């Protein structure tokens, strides 16, 4: 038997209104990724059979380098938001959930930064 009211028991269990933010961020990045993916697919298809030097010249073009960097940032941010939602929904042990969220953040930043560095190294 508890002396807490139904409202007192329910506090902290409901929506913190952060789910809608993650939902919107995931949709916005998905919409941004549609034209970026189409551009990248068409560009790579046109480079079929090209030499390594042709590819580096293509990446070094200012618009291509900028669009590649935007695609990398958007992709890894979209990935992180999506994986975070899955972890928050299905991992119930607090210390494991926090550890996985931090690991996801580090992995997304590390791989995204490495990818951006590769593009910048070729482009500059």
N, C-alpha and C. Protein backbone atom coordinates (compact mmCIF):
# COMPACT_ATOMS: atom_id res chain seq x y z
N UNK A 1 0.84 -1.17 0.00
CA UNK A 1 0.00 0.00 0.00
C UNK A 1 0.89 1.24 0.00
N UNK A 2 0.54 2.16 -0.83
CA UNK A 2 1.32 3.38 -0.94
C UNK A 2 0.44 4.59 -0.64
N UNK A 3 1.06 5.60 -0.12
CA UNK A 3 0.33 6.81 0.22
C UNK A 3 0.41 7.85 -0.90
N UNK A 4 1.06 7.52 -1.99
CA UNK A 4 1.19 8.46 -3.10
C UNK A 4 -0.09 8.50 -3.92
N UNK A 5 -0.40 9.67 -4.40
CA UNK A 5 -1.59 9.83 -5.24
C UNK A 5 -1.31 9.27 -6.63
N UNK A 6 -2.35 9.01 -7.43
CA UNK A 6 -2.12 8.55 -8.80
C UNK A 6 -1.25 9.51 -9.61
N UNK A 7 -1.42 10.82 -9.40
CA UNK A 7 -0.59 11.79 -10.11
C UNK A 7 0.87 11.67 -9.67
N UNK A 8 1.09 11.48 -8.39
CA UNK A 8 2.45 11.33 -7.87
C UNK A 8 3.13 10.09 -8.43
N UNK A 9 2.37 9.00 -8.59
CA UNK A 9 2.94 7.78 -9.15
C UNK A 9 3.23 7.94 -10.64
N UNK A 10 2.46 8.74 -11.33
CA UNK A 10 2.61 8.89 -12.78
C UNK A 10 3.71 9.88 -13.16
N UNK A 11 4.06 10.79 -12.24
CA UNK A 11 5.09 11.78 -12.56
C UNK A 11 6.40 11.09 -12.89
N UNK A 12 7.05 11.56 -13.92
CA UNK A 12 8.32 10.99 -14.31
C UNK A 12 8.19 9.80 -15.23
N UNK A 13 6.97 9.34 -15.47
CA UNK A 13 6.79 8.17 -16.32
C UNK A 13 6.27 8.54 -17.70
N UNK A 14 5.78 9.74 -17.85
CA UNK A 14 5.18 10.14 -19.12
C UNK A 14 6.18 10.78 -20.06
N UNK A 15 5.65 11.40 -21.08
CA UNK A 15 6.46 12.04 -22.10
C UNK A 15 7.19 13.24 -21.53
N UNK A 16 8.46 13.35 -21.87
CA UNK A 16 9.23 14.53 -21.51
C UNK A 16 9.26 15.49 -22.69
N UNK A 17 8.45 15.20 -23.70
CA UNK A 17 8.33 16.00 -24.93
C UNK A 17 9.62 16.03 -25.73
N UNK A 18 10.49 15.04 -25.52
CA UNK A 18 11.71 14.96 -26.32
C UNK A 18 11.52 14.01 -27.49
N UNK A 19 10.54 13.15 -27.42
CA UNK A 19 10.30 12.21 -28.50
C UNK A 19 9.89 12.90 -29.78
N UNK A 20 9.13 13.97 -29.67
CA UNK A 20 8.70 14.70 -30.86
C UNK A 20 9.89 15.38 -31.53
N UNK A 21 10.82 15.87 -30.74
CA UNK A 21 12.01 16.50 -31.30
C UNK A 21 12.83 15.49 -32.10
N UNK A 22 13.05 14.32 -31.54
CA UNK A 22 13.80 13.28 -32.25
C UNK A 22 13.06 12.86 -33.51
N UNK A 23 11.74 12.76 -33.41
CA UNK A 23 10.94 12.39 -34.58
C UNK A 23 11.12 13.41 -35.69
N UNK A 24 11.01 14.70 -35.37
CA UNK A 24 11.17 15.76 -36.37
C UNK A 24 12.57 15.78 -36.95
N UNK A 25 13.59 15.65 -36.09
CA UNK A 25 14.97 15.66 -36.58
C UNK A 25 15.22 14.50 -37.54
N UNK A 26 14.66 13.36 -37.23
CA UNK A 26 14.83 12.21 -38.10
C UNK A 26 14.14 12.45 -39.45
N UNK A 27 12.97 13.06 -39.43
CA UNK A 27 12.25 13.32 -40.69
C UNK A 27 12.96 14.39 -41.53
N UNK A 28 13.45 15.44 -40.86
CA UNK A 28 14.13 16.51 -41.59
C UNK A 28 15.41 16.00 -42.24
N UNK A 29 16.19 15.22 -41.49
CA UNK A 29 17.42 14.68 -42.08
C UNK A 29 17.11 13.67 -43.18
N UNK A 30 16.02 12.94 -43.04
CA UNK A 30 15.64 11.99 -44.10
C UNK A 30 15.27 12.74 -45.37
N UNK A 31 14.54 13.83 -45.24
CA UNK A 31 14.17 14.63 -46.41
C UNK A 31 15.42 15.23 -47.06
N UNK A 32 16.36 15.69 -46.25
CA UNK A 32 17.61 16.25 -46.78
C UNK A 32 18.45 15.17 -47.48
N UNK A 33 18.38 13.94 -46.98
CA UNK A 33 19.18 12.87 -47.57
C UNK A 33 18.65 12.39 -48.92
N UNK A 34 17.40 12.63 -49.23
CA UNK A 34 16.84 12.17 -50.51
C UNK A 34 17.58 12.81 -51.69
N UNK A 35 17.64 14.15 -51.80
CA UNK A 35 18.37 14.70 -52.95
C UNK A 35 19.87 14.43 -52.89
N UNK A 36 20.42 14.40 -51.67
CA UNK A 36 21.85 14.12 -51.55
C UNK A 36 22.18 12.71 -52.04
N UNK A 37 21.34 11.75 -51.69
CA UNK A 37 21.56 10.37 -52.13
C UNK A 37 21.38 10.24 -53.63
N UNK A 38 20.39 10.91 -54.18
CA UNK A 38 20.19 10.89 -55.63
C UNK A 38 21.40 11.49 -56.35
N UNK A 39 21.88 12.63 -55.86
CA UNK A 39 23.06 13.27 -56.45
C UNK A 39 24.27 12.34 -56.38
N UNK A 40 24.50 11.74 -55.22
CA UNK A 40 25.66 10.86 -55.05
C UNK A 40 25.55 9.62 -55.93
N UNK A 41 24.36 9.05 -56.03
CA UNK A 41 24.16 7.86 -56.85
C UNK A 41 24.41 8.16 -58.33
N UNK A 42 23.86 9.25 -58.81
CA UNK A 42 24.07 9.63 -60.21
C UNK A 42 25.54 9.95 -60.47
N UNK A 43 26.17 10.66 -59.55
CA UNK A 43 27.57 11.03 -59.71
C UNK A 43 28.48 9.82 -59.74
N UNK A 44 28.26 8.89 -58.82
CA UNK A 44 29.09 7.68 -58.78
C UNK A 44 28.83 6.82 -60.01
N UNK A 45 27.59 6.75 -60.47
CA UNK A 45 27.28 5.99 -61.68
C UNK A 45 28.01 6.58 -62.89
N UNK A 46 28.09 7.90 -62.95
CA UNK A 46 28.79 8.54 -64.06
C UNK A 46 30.30 8.31 -63.98
N UNK A 47 30.81 8.03 -62.77
CA UNK A 47 32.25 7.79 -62.59
C UNK A 47 32.63 6.32 -62.78
N UNK A 48 31.69 5.49 -63.16
CA UNK A 48 31.98 4.08 -63.36
C UNK A 48 33.06 3.93 -64.42
N UNK A 49 34.09 3.20 -64.07
CA UNK A 49 35.19 2.99 -65.00
C UNK A 49 36.23 4.10 -65.00
N UNK A 50 36.02 5.13 -64.19
CA UNK A 50 36.98 6.24 -64.13
C UNK A 50 38.22 5.82 -63.34
N UNK A 51 39.30 6.48 -63.62
CA UNK A 51 40.55 6.19 -62.91
C UNK A 51 40.53 6.87 -61.53
N UNK A 52 41.51 6.52 -60.72
CA UNK A 52 41.63 7.12 -59.39
C UNK A 52 41.83 8.62 -59.50
N UNK A 53 42.64 9.05 -60.44
CA UNK A 53 42.88 10.49 -60.60
C UNK A 53 41.61 11.22 -61.05
N UNK A 54 40.79 10.59 -61.88
CA UNK A 54 39.52 11.19 -62.28
C UNK A 54 38.61 11.37 -61.07
N UNK A 55 38.60 10.36 -60.19
CA UNK A 55 37.78 10.43 -58.99
C UNK A 55 38.26 11.55 -58.06
N UNK A 56 39.57 11.65 -57.85
CA UNK A 56 40.09 12.70 -56.96
C UNK A 56 39.83 14.09 -57.55
N UNK A 57 39.89 14.22 -58.86
CA UNK A 57 39.55 15.49 -59.49
C UNK A 57 38.08 15.82 -59.26
N UNK A 58 37.22 14.80 -59.35
CA UNK A 58 35.79 15.00 -59.11
C UNK A 58 35.53 15.43 -57.67
N UNK A 59 36.17 14.77 -56.70
CA UNK A 59 35.97 15.12 -55.29
C UNK A 59 36.52 16.51 -55.00
N UNK A 60 37.60 16.88 -55.68
CA UNK A 60 38.23 18.18 -55.42
C UNK A 60 37.42 19.36 -55.94
N UNK A 61 36.45 19.10 -56.81
CA UNK A 61 35.59 20.20 -57.29
C UNK A 61 34.82 20.77 -56.11
N UNK A 62 34.76 22.10 -55.99
CA UNK A 62 34.16 22.71 -54.79
C UNK A 62 32.75 22.23 -54.46
N UNK A 63 31.85 22.21 -55.45
CA UNK A 63 30.47 21.79 -55.17
C UNK A 63 30.41 20.34 -54.73
N UNK A 64 31.20 19.50 -55.36
CA UNK A 64 31.19 18.07 -54.99
C UNK A 64 31.71 17.87 -53.58
N UNK A 65 32.78 18.57 -53.22
CA UNK A 65 33.33 18.44 -51.87
C UNK A 65 32.33 18.93 -50.83
N UNK A 66 31.70 20.06 -51.09
CA UNK A 66 30.73 20.60 -50.13
C UNK A 66 29.54 19.67 -49.98
N UNK A 67 29.01 19.19 -51.11
CA UNK A 67 27.87 18.27 -51.03
C UNK A 67 28.24 16.96 -50.35
N UNK A 68 29.47 16.48 -50.57
CA UNK A 68 29.91 15.26 -49.87
C UNK A 68 29.96 15.49 -48.36
N UNK A 69 30.49 16.64 -47.95
CA UNK A 69 30.56 16.94 -46.52
C UNK A 69 29.17 17.08 -45.90
N UNK A 70 28.26 17.72 -46.61
CA UNK A 70 26.88 17.84 -46.12
C UNK A 70 26.24 16.45 -46.03
N UNK A 71 26.47 15.61 -47.04
CA UNK A 71 25.91 14.25 -47.02
C UNK A 71 26.47 13.45 -45.85
N UNK A 72 27.76 13.58 -45.60
CA UNK A 72 28.38 12.86 -44.48
C UNK A 72 27.78 13.31 -43.15
N UNK A 73 27.73 14.63 -42.94
CA UNK A 73 27.19 15.15 -41.67
C UNK A 73 25.73 14.75 -41.48
N UNK A 74 24.94 14.87 -42.53
CA UNK A 74 23.52 14.54 -42.43
C UNK A 74 23.32 13.05 -42.19
N UNK A 75 24.08 12.24 -42.89
CA UNK A 75 23.94 10.79 -42.74
C UNK A 75 24.26 10.33 -41.32
N UNK A 76 25.38 10.81 -40.78
CA UNK A 76 25.76 10.35 -39.44
C UNK A 76 24.87 10.94 -38.35
N UNK A 77 24.35 12.14 -38.56
CA UNK A 77 23.41 12.69 -37.59
C UNK A 77 22.09 11.90 -37.63
N UNK A 78 21.62 11.60 -38.83
CA UNK A 78 20.40 10.80 -39.00
C UNK A 78 20.58 9.42 -38.36
N UNK A 79 21.74 8.82 -38.58
CA UNK A 79 22.04 7.51 -37.99
C UNK A 79 22.01 7.59 -36.47
N UNK A 80 22.66 8.61 -35.91
CA UNK A 80 22.72 8.73 -34.46
C UNK A 80 21.33 8.92 -33.85
N UNK A 81 20.52 9.78 -34.44
CA UNK A 81 19.17 10.01 -33.91
C UNK A 81 18.36 8.72 -33.97
N UNK A 82 18.45 8.00 -35.06
CA UNK A 82 17.69 6.75 -35.20
C UNK A 82 18.13 5.68 -34.22
N UNK A 83 19.43 5.51 -34.06
CA UNK A 83 19.94 4.49 -33.13
C UNK A 83 19.61 4.88 -31.69
N UNK A 84 19.68 6.18 -31.38
CA UNK A 84 19.33 6.63 -30.03
C UNK A 84 17.88 6.29 -29.68
N UNK A 85 16.99 6.46 -30.63
CA UNK A 85 15.57 6.15 -30.39
C UNK A 85 15.41 4.66 -30.10
N UNK A 86 16.09 3.83 -30.85
CA UNK A 86 16.00 2.38 -30.62
C UNK A 86 16.56 2.03 -29.25
N UNK A 87 17.70 2.60 -28.89
CA UNK A 87 18.30 2.32 -27.57
C UNK A 87 17.36 2.79 -26.45
N UNK A 88 16.83 3.99 -26.57
CA UNK A 88 15.95 4.51 -25.53
C UNK A 88 14.67 3.69 -25.40
N UNK A 89 14.19 3.13 -26.50
CA UNK A 89 12.96 2.36 -26.45
C UNK A 89 13.15 0.94 -25.92
N UNK A 90 14.30 0.33 -26.20
CA UNK A 90 14.44 -1.10 -25.93
C UNK A 90 15.47 -1.48 -24.88
N UNK A 91 16.30 -0.56 -24.44
CA UNK A 91 17.27 -0.87 -23.38
C UNK A 91 16.74 -0.26 -22.09
N UNK A 92 16.44 -1.11 -21.12
CA UNK A 92 15.76 -0.65 -19.92
C UNK A 92 16.68 -0.47 -18.72
N UNK A 93 17.87 -1.04 -18.74
CA UNK A 93 18.81 -0.86 -17.65
C UNK A 93 19.50 0.49 -17.82
N UNK A 94 19.35 1.40 -16.84
CA UNK A 94 19.84 2.77 -17.03
C UNK A 94 21.33 2.88 -17.39
N UNK A 95 22.21 2.17 -16.69
CA UNK A 95 23.64 2.33 -16.96
C UNK A 95 24.02 1.78 -18.33
N UNK A 96 23.35 0.74 -18.78
CA UNK A 96 23.62 0.19 -20.12
C UNK A 96 23.10 1.17 -21.17
N UNK A 97 21.89 1.71 -20.95
CA UNK A 97 21.32 2.66 -21.89
C UNK A 97 22.22 3.89 -22.04
N UNK A 98 22.67 4.45 -20.94
CA UNK A 98 23.54 5.64 -20.99
C UNK A 98 24.86 5.30 -21.67
N UNK A 99 25.43 4.15 -21.34
CA UNK A 99 26.69 3.73 -21.97
C UNK A 99 26.54 3.59 -23.47
N UNK A 100 25.44 2.99 -23.91
CA UNK A 100 25.21 2.82 -25.35
C UNK A 100 24.97 4.15 -26.04
N UNK A 101 24.26 5.06 -25.39
CA UNK A 101 24.02 6.39 -25.99
C UNK A 101 25.33 7.15 -26.15
N UNK A 102 26.19 7.07 -25.14
CA UNK A 102 27.49 7.75 -25.22
C UNK A 102 28.36 7.09 -26.30
N UNK A 103 28.36 5.76 -26.35
CA UNK A 103 29.15 5.05 -27.35
C UNK A 103 28.66 5.37 -28.76
N UNK A 104 27.36 5.48 -28.93
CA UNK A 104 26.79 5.84 -30.23
C UNK A 104 27.23 7.23 -30.64
N UNK A 105 27.21 8.16 -29.69
CA UNK A 105 27.64 9.52 -29.98
C UNK A 105 29.10 9.55 -30.41
N UNK A 106 29.98 8.86 -29.64
CA UNK A 106 31.40 8.83 -29.98
C UNK A 106 31.62 8.17 -31.34
N UNK A 107 30.94 7.08 -31.61
CA UNK A 107 31.12 6.37 -32.88
C UNK A 107 30.68 7.24 -34.06
N UNK A 108 29.55 7.91 -33.93
CA UNK A 108 29.05 8.77 -35.02
C UNK A 108 30.01 9.93 -35.27
N UNK A 109 30.50 10.54 -34.21
CA UNK A 109 31.44 11.65 -34.37
C UNK A 109 32.77 11.16 -34.95
N UNK A 110 33.28 10.05 -34.45
CA UNK A 110 34.57 9.54 -34.92
C UNK A 110 34.52 9.14 -36.39
N UNK A 111 33.52 8.36 -36.78
CA UNK A 111 33.44 7.91 -38.17
C UNK A 111 33.08 9.08 -39.10
N UNK A 112 32.21 9.96 -38.65
CA UNK A 112 31.86 11.13 -39.45
C UNK A 112 33.05 12.06 -39.65
N UNK A 113 33.81 12.30 -38.60
CA UNK A 113 34.99 13.16 -38.70
C UNK A 113 36.06 12.52 -39.58
N UNK A 114 36.21 11.22 -39.47
CA UNK A 114 37.17 10.52 -40.32
C UNK A 114 36.76 10.62 -41.79
N UNK A 115 35.48 10.47 -42.07
CA UNK A 115 34.99 10.58 -43.44
C UNK A 115 35.17 12.00 -43.96
N UNK A 116 34.86 12.99 -43.14
CA UNK A 116 35.04 14.39 -43.55
C UNK A 116 36.51 14.70 -43.79
N UNK A 117 37.38 14.17 -42.94
CA UNK A 117 38.82 14.37 -43.12
C UNK A 117 39.28 13.80 -44.45
N UNK A 118 38.78 12.63 -44.81
CA UNK A 118 39.16 12.01 -46.09
C UNK A 118 38.75 12.89 -47.26
N UNK A 119 37.54 13.43 -47.22
CA UNK A 119 37.09 14.32 -48.30
C UNK A 119 37.94 15.57 -48.34
N UNK A 120 38.21 16.17 -47.18
CA UNK A 120 39.00 17.39 -47.15
C UNK A 120 40.44 17.16 -47.60
N UNK A 121 40.98 16.01 -47.25
CA UNK A 121 42.35 15.69 -47.67
C UNK A 121 42.44 15.60 -49.19
N UNK A 122 41.43 15.02 -49.82
CA UNK A 122 41.42 14.92 -51.28
C UNK A 122 41.13 16.28 -51.90
N UNK A 123 40.19 17.03 -51.31
CA UNK A 123 39.74 18.28 -51.92
C UNK A 123 40.73 19.42 -51.78
N UNK A 124 41.55 19.37 -50.74
CA UNK A 124 42.46 20.51 -50.51
C UNK A 124 43.85 20.23 -50.95
